[in-house]
Amino acid sequence: MGTVMYGDGGGWVWMVFMPLLWIVLIGLVVWAVIRLTQGAFGGRFGGDVREHRESPEEILDRRYACGEIDAETYTEARERLAAHPPRPR
């Protein structure tokens, strides 16, 4: 009679399984939201946006613009870069 009324004692399986199911479900929702919004944030979260690598000339221009190097060093480095262009990757 006890088996019919209370089941076969397998209720503990559901007590363990249900929280795990909810954790997986919530994780899937979070993953889906992140995947779907990747493009909206540009390069920071976007998987499709290719990272722009600065060329040596761009690095040199940026450093000169920020005042890290003086005009003489900039001119000399520009001449060296023009004489020996970097190899393509």
N, C-alpha and C. Protein backbone atom coordinates (compact mmCIF):
# COMPACT_ATOMS: atom_id res chain seq x y z
N MET A 1 0.82 -1.19 0.00
CA MET A 1 0.00 0.00 0.00
C MET A 1 0.87 1.27 0.00
N GLY A 2 1.98 1.23 0.71
CA GLY A 2 2.86 2.39 0.78
C GLY A 2 3.44 2.77 -0.57
N THR A 3 3.71 1.81 -1.43
CA THR A 3 4.28 2.06 -2.75
C THR A 3 3.30 2.79 -3.65
N VAL A 4 2.06 2.42 -3.58
CA VAL A 4 1.03 3.05 -4.40
C VAL A 4 0.81 4.49 -3.97
N MET A 5 0.83 4.71 -2.70
CA MET A 5 0.53 6.03 -2.18
C MET A 5 1.72 7.01 -2.32
N TYR A 6 2.93 6.54 -2.09
CA TYR A 6 4.09 7.42 -2.07
C TYR A 6 5.05 7.18 -3.23
N GLY A 7 4.76 6.33 -4.16
CA GLY A 7 5.65 6.03 -5.26
C GLY A 7 6.70 5.03 -4.84
N ASP A 8 7.70 4.89 -5.67
CA ASP A 8 8.73 3.88 -5.38
C ASP A 8 9.96 4.47 -4.71
N GLY A 9 9.89 5.65 -4.19
CA GLY A 9 11.02 6.25 -3.49
C GLY A 9 12.00 6.96 -4.42
N GLY A 10 11.63 7.21 -5.69
CA GLY A 10 12.52 7.88 -6.64
C GLY A 10 12.41 9.39 -6.66
N GLY A 11 11.70 9.94 -5.70
CA GLY A 11 11.52 11.40 -5.65
C GLY A 11 12.81 12.17 -5.46
N TRP A 12 13.79 11.56 -4.82
CA TRP A 12 15.07 12.25 -4.60
C TRP A 12 15.77 12.52 -5.92
N VAL A 13 15.53 11.69 -6.92
CA VAL A 13 16.16 11.90 -8.24
C VAL A 13 15.69 13.23 -8.82
N TRP A 14 14.38 13.50 -8.73
CA TRP A 14 13.85 14.76 -9.24
C TRP A 14 14.35 15.94 -8.42
N MET A 15 14.54 15.74 -7.13
CA MET A 15 15.05 16.83 -6.29
C MET A 15 16.46 17.23 -6.70
N VAL A 16 17.24 16.30 -7.21
CA VAL A 16 18.58 16.59 -7.69
C VAL A 16 18.55 17.08 -9.13
N PHE A 17 17.71 16.45 -9.94
CA PHE A 17 17.67 16.73 -11.37
C PHE A 17 17.11 18.12 -11.69
N MET A 18 16.07 18.54 -11.03
CA MET A 18 15.42 19.81 -11.35
C MET A 18 16.33 21.03 -11.16
N PRO A 19 17.06 21.17 -10.05
CA PRO A 19 17.97 22.32 -9.96
C PRO A 19 19.05 22.29 -11.06
N LEU A 20 19.54 21.10 -11.38
CA LEU A 20 20.53 21.01 -12.46
C LEU A 20 19.93 21.42 -13.79
N LEU A 21 18.70 21.01 -14.03
CA LEU A 21 18.01 21.39 -15.26
C LEU A 21 17.87 22.91 -15.36
N TRP A 22 17.50 23.56 -14.26
CA TRP A 22 17.35 25.01 -14.27
C TRP A 22 18.69 25.71 -14.48
N ILE A 23 19.74 25.20 -13.88
CA ILE A 23 21.07 25.79 -14.07
C ILE A 23 21.48 25.70 -15.53
N VAL A 24 21.27 24.56 -16.15
CA VAL A 24 21.61 24.38 -17.57
C VAL A 24 20.75 25.29 -18.43
N LEU A 25 19.47 25.37 -18.13
CA LEU A 25 18.56 26.22 -18.91
C LEU A 25 18.95 27.69 -18.83
N ILE A 26 19.23 28.17 -17.64
CA ILE A 26 19.64 29.57 -17.46
C ILE A 26 20.97 29.82 -18.17
N GLY A 27 21.88 28.87 -18.08
CA GLY A 27 23.16 28.99 -18.78
C GLY A 27 22.99 29.08 -20.29
N LEU A 28 22.08 28.29 -20.84
CA LEU A 28 21.81 28.33 -22.28
C LEU A 28 21.21 29.68 -22.69
N VAL A 29 20.33 30.21 -21.87
CA VAL A 29 19.72 31.51 -22.18
C VAL A 29 20.80 32.60 -22.17
N VAL A 30 21.65 32.60 -21.16
CA VAL A 30 22.73 33.60 -21.09
C VAL A 30 23.65 33.45 -22.29
N TRP A 31 24.03 32.24 -22.63
CA TRP A 31 24.90 32.00 -23.79
C TRP A 31 24.24 32.52 -25.07
N ALA A 32 22.95 32.24 -25.25
CA ALA A 32 22.25 32.66 -26.45
C ALA A 32 22.18 34.18 -26.55
N VAL A 33 21.92 34.85 -25.43
CA VAL A 33 21.86 36.31 -25.43
C VAL A 33 23.22 36.90 -25.80
N ILE A 34 24.28 36.35 -25.26
CA ILE A 34 25.62 36.84 -25.58
C ILE A 34 25.93 36.62 -27.05
N ARG A 35 25.61 35.44 -27.57
CA ARG A 35 25.87 35.13 -28.99
C ARG A 35 25.09 36.05 -29.91
N LEU A 36 23.83 36.32 -29.57
CA LEU A 36 23.00 37.14 -30.43
C LEU A 36 23.36 38.62 -30.39
N THR A 37 23.95 39.08 -29.29
CA THR A 37 24.30 40.49 -29.17
C THR A 37 25.76 40.77 -29.48
N GLN A 38 26.50 39.80 -29.93
CA GLN A 38 27.93 40.01 -30.19
C GLN A 38 28.17 41.14 -31.18
N GLY A 39 27.46 41.18 -32.27
CA GLY A 39 27.68 42.19 -33.28
C GLY A 39 27.34 43.59 -32.82
N ALA A 40 26.47 43.71 -31.83
CA ALA A 40 26.02 45.02 -31.37
C ALA A 40 27.11 45.79 -30.64
N PHE A 41 28.13 45.11 -30.17
CA PHE A 41 29.17 45.76 -29.39
C PHE A 41 30.48 45.93 -30.15
N GLY A 42 30.48 45.78 -31.45
CA GLY A 42 31.66 45.99 -32.26
C GLY A 42 32.76 45.00 -31.95
N GLY A 43 33.99 45.49 -31.85
CA GLY A 43 35.15 44.62 -31.69
C GLY A 43 35.29 44.00 -30.32
N ARG A 44 34.72 44.62 -29.30
CA ARG A 44 34.93 44.10 -27.95
C ARG A 44 34.32 42.71 -27.76
N PHE A 45 33.08 42.52 -28.19
CA PHE A 45 32.44 41.24 -28.01
C PHE A 45 32.17 40.53 -29.33
N GLY A 46 32.30 41.23 -30.42
CA GLY A 46 31.97 40.63 -31.72
C GLY A 46 32.96 39.58 -32.16
N GLY A 47 32.50 38.40 -32.45
CA GLY A 47 33.36 37.35 -32.93
C GLY A 47 33.64 37.49 -34.41
N ASP A 48 32.77 38.22 -35.13
CA ASP A 48 32.91 38.35 -36.56
C ASP A 48 33.84 39.50 -36.96
N VAL A 49 34.05 40.43 -36.05
CA VAL A 49 34.86 41.60 -36.35
C VAL A 49 36.34 41.20 -36.23
N ARG A 50 37.04 41.42 -37.32
CA ARG A 50 38.47 41.08 -37.30
C ARG A 50 39.26 42.17 -36.60
N GLU A 51 40.23 41.75 -35.82
CA GLU A 51 41.06 42.70 -35.09
C GLU A 51 41.98 43.41 -36.07
N HIS A 52 42.00 44.72 -35.99
CA HIS A 52 42.87 45.51 -36.86
C HIS A 52 44.25 45.59 -36.25
N ARG A 53 45.22 45.12 -37.01
CA ARG A 53 46.61 45.21 -36.55
C ARG A 53 47.23 46.43 -37.20
N GLU A 54 47.85 47.27 -36.39
CA GLU A 54 48.48 48.48 -36.91
C GLU A 54 49.70 48.14 -37.74
N SER A 55 49.84 48.85 -38.83
CA SER A 55 51.04 48.71 -39.64
C SER A 55 52.17 49.47 -38.94
N PRO A 56 53.41 49.20 -39.32
CA PRO A 56 54.53 49.94 -38.71
C PRO A 56 54.39 51.45 -38.91
N GLU A 57 53.88 51.84 -40.07
CA GLU A 57 53.70 53.28 -40.33
C GLU A 57 52.64 53.88 -39.40
N GLU A 58 51.56 53.13 -39.18
CA GLU A 58 50.51 53.63 -38.29
C GLU A 58 51.01 53.75 -36.86
N ILE A 59 51.80 52.78 -36.43
CA ILE A 59 52.37 52.83 -35.08
C ILE A 59 53.27 54.05 -34.95
N LEU A 60 54.10 54.27 -35.97
CA LEU A 60 55.01 55.41 -35.96
C LEU A 60 54.22 56.73 -35.94
N ASP A 61 53.18 56.83 -36.78
CA ASP A 61 52.35 58.03 -36.81
C ASP A 61 51.69 58.28 -35.46
N ARG A 62 51.17 57.22 -34.84
CA ARG A 62 50.52 57.35 -33.54
C ARG A 62 51.50 57.81 -32.47
N ARG A 63 52.68 57.22 -32.47
CA ARG A 63 53.69 57.59 -31.46
C ARG A 63 54.13 59.04 -31.63
N TYR A 64 54.25 59.48 -32.89
CA TYR A 64 54.62 60.88 -33.15
C TYR A 64 53.50 61.81 -32.72
N ALA A 65 52.26 61.44 -33.03
CA ALA A 65 51.11 62.27 -32.68
C ALA A 65 50.96 62.39 -31.16
N CYS A 66 51.31 61.34 -30.43
CA CYS A 66 51.20 61.37 -28.96
C CYS A 66 52.38 62.07 -28.30
N GLY A 67 53.39 62.40 -29.08
CA GLY A 67 54.56 63.07 -28.53
C GLY A 67 55.58 62.13 -27.93
N GLU A 68 55.48 60.84 -28.22
CA GLU A 68 56.44 59.88 -27.70
C GLU A 68 57.80 60.00 -28.39
N ILE A 69 57.79 60.44 -29.64
CA ILE A 69 59.05 60.61 -30.38
C ILE A 69 59.05 62.00 -30.99
N ASP A 70 60.27 62.52 -31.24
CA ASP A 70 60.38 63.85 -31.83
C ASP A 70 60.38 63.77 -33.36
N ALA A 71 60.39 64.95 -34.01
CA ALA A 71 60.28 65.02 -35.47
C ALA A 71 61.48 64.36 -36.15
N GLU A 72 62.65 64.53 -35.58
CA GLU A 72 63.86 63.95 -36.18
C GLU A 72 63.79 62.42 -36.17
N THR A 73 63.41 61.85 -35.04
CA THR A 73 63.28 60.40 -34.94
C THR A 73 62.19 59.89 -35.86
N TYR A 74 61.09 60.64 -35.95
CA TYR A 74 59.98 60.26 -36.83
C TYR A 74 60.44 60.22 -38.29
N THR A 75 61.12 61.27 -38.72
CA THR A 75 61.58 61.34 -40.12
C THR A 75 62.56 60.23 -40.43
N GLU A 76 63.48 59.98 -39.51
CA GLU A 76 64.48 58.93 -39.71
C GLU A 76 63.80 57.55 -39.80
N ALA A 77 62.87 57.29 -38.92
CA ALA A 77 62.18 56.00 -38.92
C ALA A 77 61.33 55.84 -40.18
N ARG A 78 60.68 56.91 -40.63
CA ARG A 78 59.89 56.86 -41.86
C ARG A 78 60.77 56.52 -43.06
N GLU A 79 61.95 57.12 -43.11
CA GLU A 79 62.87 56.84 -44.22
C GLU A 79 63.33 55.38 -44.19
N ARG A 80 63.62 54.86 -43.00
CA ARG A 80 64.02 53.45 -42.88
C ARG A 80 62.89 52.51 -43.30
N LEU A 81 61.68 52.83 -42.88
CA LEU A 81 60.55 52.00 -43.26
C LEU A 81 60.32 52.02 -44.78
N ALA A 82 60.50 53.18 -45.39
CA ALA A 82 60.32 53.29 -46.84
C ALA A 82 61.40 52.50 -47.58
N ALA A 83 62.61 52.46 -47.03
CA ALA A 83 63.71 51.74 -47.67
C ALA A 83 63.57 50.23 -47.51
N HIS A 84 63.01 49.79 -46.41
CA HIS A 84 62.87 48.35 -46.12
C HIS A 84 61.42 48.05 -45.73
N PRO A 85 60.54 47.90 -46.72
CA PRO A 85 59.14 47.60 -46.37
C PRO A 85 59.00 46.25 -45.68
N PRO A 86 58.07 46.13 -44.77
CA PRO A 86 57.89 44.85 -44.06
C PRO A 86 57.36 43.77 -45.01
N ARG A 87 57.74 42.52 -44.69
CA ARG A 87 57.27 41.40 -45.51
C ARG A 87 55.80 41.13 -45.22
N PRO A 88 55.02 40.80 -46.25
CA PRO A 88 53.61 40.46 -46.00
C PRO A 88 53.50 39.14 -45.25
N ARG A 89 52.48 39.02 -44.44
CA ARG A 89 52.29 37.80 -43.66
C ARG A 89 51.43 36.84 -44.38
